[in-house]
Amino acid sequence: MITFRETRARLRRDRERLLARFAAQSEDRPRPLWMHPSWQCVVLQRLSFYFASRGSRLLGRLFWHWNLLLTGADIAMVSDFGPGLIVLIPCGTTLICSAGRDLTLLGLVGVGGGTSRREDIGAGPGVPTIGDGVEIGWSAVVLGPLRIGDGARIGALTLVTVDVAAGAVVPDGARWTRTER
């Protein structure tokens, strides 16, 4: 169960990373920030997870629905993300997973179950676990109970169905599966 103090601390780190990302891309900070879909998506996900973990599934589901309607992001209310979450383009992003600190999702990312394998590796049956400092590229898909190691980079248009080692780079357009590797 997460506290509201921890939720606020995670949101502070999320905001810092998002503003740093805007500055690094030489983009002006959107004014006001709360109107930017990337920020709205993360705030609504944090509130959804907070209420769901505290036993108020109705409020958690309400914030999940708002996220889906306002930003187009379908992020399960049971998904736990460490501080520093960035969802650059939330529209079309679908997530059910557990992730560490500083996760960056570029756009149209799909992470979750979707395979017949139902093992529980810590995030729930059939659900992936993502380490710290991971970046997942445009239209990448991560399916099944697998682990993505700390600092891994998953390229655009990639399908991943097996574990990815810490620091590994999955190239753009790769099929990172049992049969293809």
N, C-alpha and C. Protein backbone atom coordinates (compact mmCIF):
# COMPACT_ATOMS: atom_id res chain seq x y z
N MET A 1 0.86 -1.18 0.00
CA MET A 1 0.00 0.00 0.00
C MET A 1 0.90 1.24 0.00
N ILE A 2 0.60 2.17 -0.87
CA ILE A 2 1.39 3.38 -1.02
C ILE A 2 0.74 4.52 -0.23
N THR A 3 1.55 5.38 0.33
CA THR A 3 1.03 6.54 1.06
C THR A 3 0.88 7.72 0.10
N PHE A 4 0.10 8.71 0.53
CA PHE A 4 -0.07 9.90 -0.29
C PHE A 4 1.23 10.70 -0.34
N ARG A 5 2.00 10.65 0.73
CA ARG A 5 3.31 11.32 0.76
C ARG A 5 4.22 10.73 -0.31
N GLU A 6 4.24 9.40 -0.42
CA GLU A 6 5.06 8.74 -1.44
C GLU A 6 4.55 9.06 -2.84
N THR A 7 3.24 9.12 -3.01
CA THR A 7 2.66 9.49 -4.30
C THR A 7 3.10 10.89 -4.71
N ARG A 8 3.05 11.84 -3.78
CA ARG A 8 3.49 13.21 -4.08
C ARG A 8 4.98 13.25 -4.40
N ALA A 9 5.79 12.47 -3.68
CA ALA A 9 7.23 12.44 -3.95
C ALA A 9 7.50 11.89 -5.35
N ARG A 10 6.77 10.85 -5.74
CA ARG A 10 6.93 10.31 -7.09
C ARG A 10 6.52 11.33 -8.14
N LEU A 11 5.44 12.05 -7.88
CA LEU A 11 4.99 13.08 -8.83
C LEU A 11 6.02 14.20 -8.96
N ARG A 12 6.67 14.58 -7.87
CA ARG A 12 7.72 15.60 -7.95
C ARG A 12 8.86 15.14 -8.86
N ARG A 13 9.28 13.88 -8.69
CA ARG A 13 10.35 13.34 -9.53
C ARG A 13 9.89 13.23 -10.99
N ASP A 14 8.64 12.83 -11.21
CA ASP A 14 8.09 12.76 -12.57
C ASP A 14 8.15 14.14 -13.23
N ARG A 15 7.76 15.15 -12.49
CA ARG A 15 7.74 16.52 -13.03
C ARG A 15 9.16 16.98 -13.37
N GLU A 16 10.11 16.74 -12.48
CA GLU A 16 11.51 17.12 -12.72
C GLU A 16 12.04 16.48 -14.00
N ARG A 17 11.79 15.19 -14.17
CA ARG A 17 12.28 14.50 -15.37
C ARG A 17 11.61 15.01 -16.64
N LEU A 18 10.31 15.26 -16.58
CA LEU A 18 9.60 15.75 -17.75
C LEU A 18 10.11 17.13 -18.16
N LEU A 19 10.30 18.02 -17.19
CA LEU A 19 10.82 19.35 -17.51
C LEU A 19 12.25 19.27 -18.04
N ALA A 20 13.06 18.37 -17.50
CA ALA A 20 14.42 18.19 -18.00
C ALA A 20 14.40 17.66 -19.43
N ARG A 21 13.47 16.79 -19.72
CA ARG A 21 13.34 16.25 -21.08
C ARG A 21 12.96 17.35 -22.06
N PHE A 22 12.00 18.20 -21.68
CA PHE A 22 11.62 19.33 -22.53
C PHE A 22 12.81 20.25 -22.76
N ALA A 23 13.57 20.53 -21.71
CA ALA A 23 14.73 21.41 -21.83
C ALA A 23 15.79 20.80 -22.74
N ALA A 24 16.01 19.49 -22.64
CA ALA A 24 17.01 18.81 -23.46
C ALA A 24 16.62 18.81 -24.93
N GLN A 25 15.34 18.80 -25.21
CA GLN A 25 14.87 18.81 -26.60
C GLN A 25 14.67 20.22 -27.13
N SER A 26 15.12 21.21 -26.36
CA SER A 26 15.00 22.62 -26.73
C SER A 26 13.55 23.02 -26.97
N GLU A 27 12.66 22.36 -26.28
CA GLU A 27 11.25 22.74 -26.38
C GLU A 27 10.92 23.70 -25.24
N ASP A 28 10.08 24.65 -25.52
CA ASP A 28 9.60 25.49 -24.45
C ASP A 28 8.71 24.66 -23.54
N ARG A 29 8.82 24.94 -22.26
CA ARG A 29 7.95 24.25 -21.33
C ARG A 29 6.52 24.66 -21.61
N PRO A 30 5.64 23.67 -21.76
CA PRO A 30 4.24 24.02 -21.99
C PRO A 30 3.70 24.84 -20.82
N ARG A 31 2.98 25.86 -21.12
CA ARG A 31 2.42 26.70 -20.07
C ARG A 31 0.91 26.64 -20.16
N PRO A 32 0.25 26.27 -19.17
CA PRO A 32 0.72 25.65 -17.94
C PRO A 32 1.00 24.15 -18.15
N LEU A 33 1.90 23.60 -17.35
CA LEU A 33 2.31 22.21 -17.50
C LEU A 33 1.13 21.25 -17.31
N TRP A 34 0.22 21.58 -16.42
CA TRP A 34 -0.89 20.66 -16.15
C TRP A 34 -1.80 20.46 -17.35
N MET A 35 -1.63 21.29 -18.40
CA MET A 35 -2.41 21.11 -19.62
C MET A 35 -1.74 20.17 -20.62
N HIS A 36 -0.51 19.77 -20.36
CA HIS A 36 0.21 18.89 -21.28
C HIS A 36 -0.23 17.45 -21.06
N PRO A 37 -0.58 16.70 -22.12
CA PRO A 37 -1.07 15.33 -21.94
C PRO A 37 -0.06 14.39 -21.27
N SER A 38 1.22 14.62 -21.47
CA SER A 38 2.23 13.77 -20.81
C SER A 38 2.12 13.88 -19.30
N TRP A 39 1.94 15.10 -18.81
CA TRP A 39 1.83 15.31 -17.37
C TRP A 39 0.48 14.83 -16.85
N GLN A 40 -0.59 15.12 -17.58
CA GLN A 40 -1.93 14.68 -17.17
C GLN A 40 -1.96 13.16 -17.02
N CYS A 41 -1.37 12.47 -17.98
CA CYS A 41 -1.36 11.01 -17.98
C CYS A 41 -0.70 10.46 -16.72
N VAL A 42 0.44 10.99 -16.37
CA VAL A 42 1.19 10.50 -15.21
C VAL A 42 0.44 10.83 -13.91
N VAL A 43 -0.09 12.03 -13.80
CA VAL A 43 -0.83 12.41 -12.58
C VAL A 43 -2.04 11.50 -12.39
N LEU A 44 -2.81 11.29 -13.46
CA LEU A 44 -4.00 10.45 -13.35
C LEU A 44 -3.63 9.00 -13.03
N GLN A 45 -2.53 8.50 -13.59
CA GLN A 45 -2.08 7.14 -13.27
C GLN A 45 -1.69 7.04 -11.81
N ARG A 46 -0.95 8.02 -11.31
CA ARG A 46 -0.52 8.00 -9.90
C ARG A 46 -1.73 8.00 -8.97
N LEU A 47 -2.73 8.81 -9.27
CA LEU A 47 -3.93 8.84 -8.44
C LEU A 47 -4.71 7.53 -8.54
N SER A 48 -4.80 6.99 -9.73
CA SER A 48 -5.48 5.72 -9.92
C SER A 48 -4.82 4.62 -9.09
N PHE A 49 -3.49 4.54 -9.17
CA PHE A 49 -2.76 3.53 -8.40
C PHE A 49 -2.89 3.77 -6.91
N TYR A 50 -2.82 5.02 -6.47
CA TYR A 50 -2.95 5.34 -5.05
C TYR A 50 -4.27 4.83 -4.49
N PHE A 51 -5.36 5.19 -5.16
CA PHE A 51 -6.67 4.78 -4.64
C PHE A 51 -6.88 3.27 -4.74
N ALA A 52 -6.45 2.65 -5.81
CA ALA A 52 -6.60 1.20 -5.96
C ALA A 52 -5.81 0.46 -4.89
N SER A 53 -4.59 0.92 -4.60
CA SER A 53 -3.77 0.23 -3.61
C SER A 53 -4.29 0.45 -2.19
N ARG A 54 -5.05 1.50 -1.97
CA ARG A 54 -5.63 1.78 -0.65
C ARG A 54 -6.98 1.09 -0.48
N GLY A 55 -7.42 0.33 -1.47
CA GLY A 55 -8.67 -0.42 -1.36
C GLY A 55 -9.88 0.29 -1.94
N SER A 56 -9.70 1.49 -2.47
CA SER A 56 -10.82 2.21 -3.07
C SER A 56 -10.78 2.00 -4.57
N ARG A 57 -11.19 0.82 -4.98
CA ARG A 57 -11.12 0.45 -6.40
C ARG A 57 -12.04 1.31 -7.27
N LEU A 58 -13.13 1.77 -6.71
CA LEU A 58 -14.04 2.62 -7.47
C LEU A 58 -13.37 3.93 -7.86
N LEU A 59 -12.71 4.60 -6.90
CA LEU A 59 -12.00 5.84 -7.21
C LEU A 59 -10.82 5.58 -8.13
N GLY A 60 -10.12 4.47 -7.91
CA GLY A 60 -9.01 4.10 -8.79
C GLY A 60 -9.49 3.92 -10.21
N ARG A 61 -10.61 3.26 -10.36
CA ARG A 61 -11.17 3.04 -11.71
C ARG A 61 -11.64 4.36 -12.34
N LEU A 62 -12.17 5.25 -11.52
CA LEU A 62 -12.60 6.55 -12.02
C LEU A 62 -11.41 7.32 -12.61
N PHE A 63 -10.29 7.36 -11.89
CA PHE A 63 -9.10 8.04 -12.41
C PHE A 63 -8.54 7.32 -13.64
N TRP A 64 -8.62 6.00 -13.66
CA TRP A 64 -8.20 5.25 -14.85
C TRP A 64 -9.04 5.66 -16.06
N HIS A 65 -10.36 5.75 -15.87
CA HIS A 65 -11.26 6.16 -16.96
C HIS A 65 -10.94 7.58 -17.43
N TRP A 66 -10.71 8.48 -16.49
CA TRP A 66 -10.36 9.85 -16.88
C TRP A 66 -9.09 9.86 -17.70
N ASN A 67 -8.11 9.06 -17.30
CA ASN A 67 -6.86 8.99 -18.05
C ASN A 67 -7.13 8.50 -19.48
N LEU A 68 -7.93 7.48 -19.58
CA LEU A 68 -8.26 6.93 -20.90
C LEU A 68 -8.99 7.96 -21.76
N LEU A 69 -9.92 8.68 -21.18
CA LEU A 69 -10.70 9.66 -21.94
C LEU A 69 -9.91 10.92 -22.28
N LEU A 70 -9.13 11.43 -21.33
CA LEU A 70 -8.42 12.69 -21.55
C LEU A 70 -7.15 12.54 -22.37
N THR A 71 -6.40 11.46 -22.15
CA THR A 71 -5.08 11.34 -22.79
C THR A 71 -4.99 10.18 -23.77
N GLY A 72 -5.91 9.24 -23.71
CA GLY A 72 -5.86 8.08 -24.59
C GLY A 72 -4.95 6.98 -24.07
N ALA A 73 -4.41 7.13 -22.87
CA ALA A 73 -3.53 6.11 -22.28
C ALA A 73 -4.35 5.12 -21.47
N ASP A 74 -4.13 3.85 -21.73
CA ASP A 74 -4.79 2.78 -20.99
C ASP A 74 -3.75 2.15 -20.07
N ILE A 75 -3.64 2.70 -18.87
CA ILE A 75 -2.65 2.23 -17.90
C ILE A 75 -3.41 1.62 -16.73
N ALA A 76 -3.26 0.31 -16.55
CA ALA A 76 -4.00 -0.40 -15.51
C ALA A 76 -3.74 0.21 -14.15
N MET A 77 -4.78 0.30 -13.35
CA MET A 77 -4.65 0.94 -12.04
C MET A 77 -3.79 0.11 -11.08
N VAL A 78 -3.51 -1.13 -11.39
CA VAL A 78 -2.65 -1.96 -10.53
C VAL A 78 -1.19 -1.86 -10.93
N SER A 79 -0.88 -1.13 -12.00
CA SER A 79 0.50 -0.97 -12.45
C SER A 79 1.25 -0.03 -11.52
N ASP A 80 2.38 -0.51 -11.00
CA ASP A 80 3.19 0.26 -10.06
C ASP A 80 4.45 0.73 -10.77
N PHE A 81 4.68 2.06 -10.79
CA PHE A 81 5.84 2.65 -11.41
C PHE A 81 6.63 3.41 -10.36
N GLY A 82 7.95 3.27 -10.40
CA GLY A 82 8.79 4.05 -9.52
C GLY A 82 8.77 5.51 -9.92
N PRO A 83 9.44 6.36 -9.14
CA PRO A 83 9.47 7.78 -9.47
C PRO A 83 10.20 8.04 -10.78
N GLY A 84 9.84 9.12 -11.46
CA GLY A 84 10.51 9.51 -12.69
C GLY A 84 9.87 8.98 -13.95
N LEU A 85 8.59 8.68 -13.91
CA LEU A 85 7.88 8.15 -15.08
C LEU A 85 7.64 9.25 -16.11
N ILE A 86 7.96 8.97 -17.38
CA ILE A 86 7.65 9.87 -18.48
C ILE A 86 6.91 9.07 -19.56
N VAL A 87 5.75 9.57 -19.95
CA VAL A 87 5.01 9.02 -21.08
C VAL A 87 4.89 10.17 -22.08
N LEU A 88 5.79 10.21 -23.06
CA LEU A 88 5.86 11.38 -23.95
C LEU A 88 4.60 11.57 -24.79
N ILE A 89 4.11 10.51 -25.41
CA ILE A 89 2.89 10.58 -26.21
C ILE A 89 1.93 9.54 -25.64
N PRO A 90 1.03 9.94 -24.75
CA PRO A 90 0.19 8.94 -24.08
C PRO A 90 -0.87 8.29 -24.96
N CYS A 91 -1.33 8.96 -26.00
CA CYS A 91 -2.40 8.42 -26.83
C CYS A 91 -1.97 7.09 -27.46
N GLY A 92 -2.73 6.05 -27.23
CA GLY A 92 -2.44 4.73 -27.77
C GLY A 92 -1.51 3.89 -26.93
N THR A 93 -1.06 4.40 -25.79
CA THR A 93 -0.17 3.65 -24.91
C THR A 93 -1.01 2.75 -24.01
N THR A 94 -0.62 1.48 -23.92
CA THR A 94 -1.32 0.51 -23.09
C THR A 94 -0.31 -0.18 -22.19
N LEU A 95 -0.53 -0.12 -20.87
CA LEU A 95 0.44 -0.67 -19.92
C LEU A 95 -0.24 -1.45 -18.82
N ILE A 96 0.31 -2.61 -18.52
CA ILE A 96 0.05 -3.31 -17.27
C ILE A 96 1.36 -4.00 -16.93
N CYS A 97 2.04 -3.45 -15.91
CA CYS A 97 3.36 -3.95 -15.56
C CYS A 97 3.78 -3.36 -14.22
N SER A 98 4.96 -3.74 -13.80
CA SER A 98 5.61 -3.14 -12.65
C SER A 98 6.95 -2.61 -13.14
N ALA A 99 7.29 -1.37 -12.77
CA ALA A 99 8.52 -0.78 -13.28
C ALA A 99 9.24 -0.02 -12.19
N GLY A 100 10.54 0.09 -12.35
CA GLY A 100 11.38 0.82 -11.41
C GLY A 100 11.42 2.31 -11.71
N ARG A 101 12.50 2.95 -11.25
CA ARG A 101 12.68 4.39 -11.39
C ARG A 101 12.99 4.77 -12.84
N ASP A 102 12.61 5.98 -13.20
CA ASP A 102 13.01 6.63 -14.44
C ASP A 102 12.68 5.84 -15.71
N LEU A 103 11.46 5.37 -15.81
CA LEU A 103 10.98 4.71 -17.02
C LEU A 103 10.55 5.79 -18.03
N THR A 104 11.00 5.64 -19.28
CA THR A 104 10.63 6.57 -20.34
C THR A 104 9.93 5.79 -21.45
N LEU A 105 8.72 6.21 -21.78
CA LEU A 105 7.94 5.60 -22.85
C LEU A 105 7.72 6.65 -23.93
N LEU A 106 8.08 6.33 -25.17
CA LEU A 106 8.03 7.34 -26.22
C LEU A 106 6.66 7.50 -26.86
N GLY A 107 5.94 6.46 -27.16
CA GLY A 107 4.61 6.62 -27.75
C GLY A 107 4.11 5.32 -28.36
N LEU A 108 2.81 5.10 -28.26
CA LEU A 108 2.16 3.91 -28.80
C LEU A 108 2.79 2.63 -28.28
N VAL A 109 3.21 2.64 -27.04
CA VAL A 109 3.88 1.50 -26.43
C VAL A 109 2.83 0.55 -25.85
N GLY A 110 3.07 -0.74 -26.02
CA GLY A 110 2.21 -1.76 -25.43
C GLY A 110 3.03 -2.68 -24.53
N VAL A 111 2.71 -2.71 -23.25
CA VAL A 111 3.42 -3.55 -22.30
C VAL A 111 2.38 -4.28 -21.47
N GLY A 112 2.49 -5.62 -21.40
CA GLY A 112 1.55 -6.37 -20.58
C GLY A 112 1.56 -7.84 -20.87
N GLY A 113 0.45 -8.50 -20.55
CA GLY A 113 0.30 -9.93 -20.80
C GLY A 113 0.17 -10.16 -22.29
N GLY A 114 -0.66 -11.05 -22.68
CA GLY A 114 -0.88 -11.26 -24.10
C GLY A 114 -0.28 -12.55 -24.61
N THR A 115 0.29 -13.34 -23.73
CA THR A 115 0.79 -14.64 -24.12
C THR A 115 0.09 -15.70 -23.27
N SER A 116 0.28 -16.93 -23.62
CA SER A 116 -0.35 -18.01 -22.85
C SER A 116 0.43 -18.32 -21.58
N ARG A 117 1.63 -17.79 -21.46
CA ARG A 117 2.44 -18.02 -20.25
C ARG A 117 1.87 -17.21 -19.09
N ARG A 118 1.59 -17.86 -17.98
CA ARG A 118 0.94 -17.21 -16.85
C ARG A 118 1.81 -17.18 -15.60
N GLU A 119 3.13 -17.38 -15.72
CA GLU A 119 3.99 -17.34 -14.54
C GLU A 119 3.91 -15.97 -13.88
N ASP A 120 4.12 -15.94 -12.58
CA ASP A 120 4.16 -14.69 -11.83
C ASP A 120 5.61 -14.42 -11.43
N ILE A 121 6.21 -13.40 -12.04
CA ILE A 121 7.61 -13.08 -11.72
C ILE A 121 7.70 -11.87 -10.81
N GLY A 122 6.60 -11.47 -10.22
CA GLY A 122 6.60 -10.38 -9.27
C GLY A 122 5.62 -9.26 -9.55
N ALA A 123 5.13 -9.17 -10.77
CA ALA A 123 4.19 -8.10 -11.12
C ALA A 123 2.76 -8.60 -11.27
N GLY A 124 2.58 -9.89 -11.20
CA GLY A 124 1.28 -10.50 -11.40
C GLY A 124 1.38 -11.58 -12.46
N PRO A 125 0.39 -12.46 -12.56
CA PRO A 125 0.45 -13.55 -13.53
C PRO A 125 0.53 -13.05 -14.97
N GLY A 126 1.59 -13.43 -15.68
CA GLY A 126 1.76 -13.09 -17.08
C GLY A 126 2.18 -11.66 -17.35
N VAL A 127 2.59 -10.92 -16.31
CA VAL A 127 2.87 -9.50 -16.45
C VAL A 127 4.37 -9.23 -16.33
N PRO A 128 4.93 -8.35 -17.20
CA PRO A 128 6.37 -8.05 -17.17
C PRO A 128 6.79 -7.17 -15.99
N THR A 129 8.08 -7.27 -15.67
CA THR A 129 8.71 -6.43 -14.67
C THR A 129 9.84 -5.66 -15.36
N ILE A 130 9.85 -4.35 -15.18
CA ILE A 130 10.81 -3.48 -15.86
C ILE A 130 11.72 -2.85 -14.82
N GLY A 131 13.01 -2.84 -15.10
CA GLY A 131 14.00 -2.29 -14.17
C GLY A 131 14.08 -0.78 -14.21
N ASP A 132 15.13 -0.24 -13.57
CA ASP A 132 15.36 1.20 -13.49
C ASP A 132 16.01 1.73 -14.76
N GLY A 133 15.68 2.96 -15.13
CA GLY A 133 16.33 3.65 -16.23
C GLY A 133 16.10 3.04 -17.60
N VAL A 134 14.95 2.43 -17.81
CA VAL A 134 14.64 1.79 -19.09
C VAL A 134 13.94 2.78 -20.01
N GLU A 135 14.26 2.70 -21.30
CA GLU A 135 13.57 3.50 -22.31
C GLU A 135 12.96 2.56 -23.34
N ILE A 136 11.67 2.76 -23.62
CA ILE A 136 10.96 1.93 -24.60
C ILE A 136 10.53 2.82 -25.74
N GLY A 137 10.93 2.45 -26.96
CA GLY A 137 10.73 3.27 -28.15
C GLY A 137 9.33 3.22 -28.73
N TRP A 138 9.15 3.98 -29.80
CA TRP A 138 7.87 4.11 -30.48
C TRP A 138 7.33 2.76 -30.94
N SER A 139 6.07 2.53 -30.66
CA SER A 139 5.34 1.34 -31.11
C SER A 139 6.01 0.02 -30.71
N ALA A 140 6.77 0.02 -29.65
CA ALA A 140 7.37 -1.21 -29.15
C ALA A 140 6.31 -1.99 -28.36
N VAL A 141 6.42 -3.32 -28.40
CA VAL A 141 5.49 -4.18 -27.70
C VAL A 141 6.30 -5.15 -26.84
N VAL A 142 5.96 -5.21 -25.55
CA VAL A 142 6.61 -6.11 -24.60
C VAL A 142 5.51 -6.99 -24.01
N LEU A 143 5.59 -8.30 -24.28
CA LEU A 143 4.50 -9.21 -23.89
C LEU A 143 4.99 -10.34 -23.01
N GLY A 144 4.19 -10.66 -22.01
CA GLY A 144 4.42 -11.86 -21.21
C GLY A 144 5.19 -11.61 -19.94
N PRO A 145 5.33 -12.67 -19.15
CA PRO A 145 6.05 -12.58 -17.88
C PRO A 145 7.56 -12.57 -18.14
N LEU A 146 8.13 -11.41 -18.25
CA LEU A 146 9.56 -11.31 -18.53
C LEU A 146 10.14 -10.14 -17.74
N ARG A 147 11.47 -10.13 -17.69
CA ARG A 147 12.19 -9.07 -16.99
C ARG A 147 12.98 -8.25 -17.99
N ILE A 148 12.89 -6.94 -17.85
CA ILE A 148 13.73 -6.04 -18.63
C ILE A 148 14.70 -5.43 -17.62
N GLY A 149 15.99 -5.65 -17.83
CA GLY A 149 17.00 -5.22 -16.88
C GLY A 149 17.20 -3.72 -16.83
N ASP A 150 17.88 -3.27 -15.78
CA ASP A 150 18.16 -1.86 -15.58
C ASP A 150 18.94 -1.29 -16.77
N GLY A 151 18.56 -0.10 -17.19
CA GLY A 151 19.27 0.60 -18.24
C GLY A 151 19.09 0.05 -19.64
N ALA A 152 18.18 -0.87 -19.83
CA ALA A 152 17.94 -1.44 -21.17
C ALA A 152 17.26 -0.41 -22.07
N ARG A 153 17.50 -0.52 -23.36
CA ARG A 153 16.87 0.33 -24.36
C ARG A 153 16.18 -0.56 -25.37
N ILE A 154 14.89 -0.33 -25.54
CA ILE A 154 14.11 -1.12 -26.50
C ILE A 154 13.75 -0.20 -27.65
N GLY A 155 14.16 -0.57 -28.84
CA GLY A 155 13.98 0.27 -30.02
C GLY A 155 12.55 0.35 -30.50
N ALA A 156 12.36 1.20 -31.49
CA ALA A 156 11.04 1.41 -32.08
C ALA A 156 10.61 0.19 -32.88
N LEU A 157 9.30 -0.04 -32.94
CA LEU A 157 8.71 -1.12 -33.74
C LEU A 157 9.30 -2.48 -33.39
N THR A 158 9.47 -2.72 -32.11
CA THR A 158 10.11 -3.94 -31.62
C THR A 158 9.10 -4.82 -30.90
N LEU A 159 9.24 -6.13 -31.07
CA LEU A 159 8.45 -7.10 -30.33
C LEU A 159 9.39 -7.84 -29.39
N VAL A 160 9.08 -7.81 -28.09
CA VAL A 160 9.91 -8.47 -27.08
C VAL A 160 9.05 -9.45 -26.30
N THR A 161 9.45 -10.74 -26.31
CA THR A 161 8.71 -11.76 -25.54
C THR A 161 9.62 -12.58 -24.64
N VAL A 162 10.90 -12.20 -24.55
CA VAL A 162 11.85 -12.87 -23.65
C VAL A 162 12.60 -11.82 -22.84
N ASP A 163 13.27 -12.25 -21.78
CA ASP A 163 14.01 -11.34 -20.93
C ASP A 163 15.03 -10.53 -21.71
N VAL A 164 15.24 -9.29 -21.26
CA VAL A 164 16.25 -8.41 -21.83
C VAL A 164 17.24 -8.11 -20.72
N ALA A 165 18.52 -8.34 -20.96
CA ALA A 165 19.55 -8.15 -19.94
C ALA A 165 19.73 -6.68 -19.60
N ALA A 166 20.26 -6.41 -18.42
CA ALA A 166 20.56 -5.04 -18.00
C ALA A 166 21.53 -4.41 -18.98
N GLY A 167 21.24 -3.18 -19.38
CA GLY A 167 22.10 -2.44 -20.28
C GLY A 167 22.02 -2.85 -21.74
N ALA A 168 21.21 -3.83 -22.06
CA ALA A 168 21.10 -4.31 -23.44
C ALA A 168 20.35 -3.30 -24.31
N VAL A 169 20.66 -3.33 -25.59
CA VAL A 169 19.96 -2.49 -26.56
C VAL A 169 19.29 -3.41 -27.57
N VAL A 170 17.98 -3.34 -27.63
CA VAL A 170 17.22 -4.09 -28.62
C VAL A 170 17.04 -3.16 -29.81
N PRO A 171 17.60 -3.50 -30.98
CA PRO A 171 17.57 -2.57 -32.11
C PRO A 171 16.16 -2.34 -32.65
N ASP A 172 16.00 -1.21 -33.33
CA ASP A 172 14.72 -0.87 -33.95
C ASP A 172 14.27 -1.99 -34.87
N GLY A 173 12.99 -2.33 -34.79
CA GLY A 173 12.40 -3.30 -35.70
C GLY A 173 12.74 -4.74 -35.39
N ALA A 174 13.38 -5.02 -34.28
CA ALA A 174 13.79 -6.39 -33.95
C ALA A 174 12.62 -7.20 -33.40
N ARG A 175 12.73 -8.51 -33.57
CA ARG A 175 11.81 -9.45 -32.92
C ARG A 175 12.65 -10.18 -31.89
N TRP A 176 12.49 -9.85 -30.64
CA TRP A 176 13.26 -10.39 -29.53
C TRP A 176 12.42 -11.49 -28.89
N THR A 177 12.34 -12.64 -29.58
CA THR A 177 11.48 -13.73 -29.13
C THR A 177 12.28 -15.00 -29.01
N ARG A 178 11.66 -16.03 -28.44
CA ARG A 178 12.35 -17.32 -28.28
C ARG A 178 12.72 -17.94 -29.63
N THR A 179 11.85 -17.84 -30.57
CA THR A 179 12.09 -18.47 -31.86
C THR A 179 12.99 -17.66 -32.78
N GLU A 180 13.04 -16.34 -32.59
CA GLU A 180 13.78 -15.47 -33.49
C GLU A 180 15.22 -15.25 -33.05
N ARG A 181 15.55 -15.42 -31.76
CA ARG A 181 16.89 -15.11 -31.26
C ARG A 181 17.80 -16.21 -31.48
